[in-house]
């Protein structure tokens, strides 16, 4: 968490991910513990982002995850301390850190993946080392978990850890966009005395096929950054293309792509239409 989330950003996170099973698993318990942090007040949305950041680090480099998590409690605590006001007591920061680590442990437990057992043991050791209130954490989180559909939670966390989606990056980008909008002065949609917004639009019914094409170009390595290195964040890349080329923001990129790939018909039909327009060699 590079910065505390403003109210507008927290609302955006809850609106976008309020039905996410992982978020629902931790929302109420996190809000309970938030009341025990009168100065720091870590909100559920902030905890959600912190937990996803740890999970995403594990996904990104599973081989080195045990090493990368070796001092994760300390790292999160130090980040929180830098963000907190001078009047914030140490015990509030310790509680906030313990809640994040506990949530990670809880979610990894539901994966039942042998590789993650080492990570769970390591993180539990960090909680114990820093005197975390394990009993209170269990008593607060577990009733909420049992009220949920546990099988649905297991499937959700397993699917997430197997996917190439990094929600912490997506949320960070969304937060930046929301806060930029909330802080920007009101301007007209069309600039004067400078460049105008694009007049291009995606034809009705072609948005999904456009995303499939862009997704394929991304996977083929056609997009690079200003240093000529392949880009590594698909959603950000496609979002930028849609925004600057077509004035389209907040596109449900992942949802639309997942829906397209799950349909009964072959997605190559999208490319057949383009192939018909290529020049034919005689």
Foldseek 3Di string as FASTA:
>chain_A
DQAAFDPLLLVVLCVVCVVPPLLLLCQVLLQVLLVVFVFLRQHSSNLVLLLLVLLVVCLVCVPCNLVVCQCVLVVQLVSSVVHGDPPGDSVSSNQSSLSSLVSNLVLLVLQPDVSCVSVNVSSVVVCVVSVHPVVVSCVRRVVSCVVDDVVVSSVSSNVVSPDPDRVSVVSVVVSVVSVCVVPDDDDDQADPPDDGAAPDADDPPCPLLVLVVLVVCLVVQVDADPVRHRDDHSVVVVQVCCCRHHVDHPDPSVVSNVVLVPDPDDSCVSVVVVVVPDDDDD
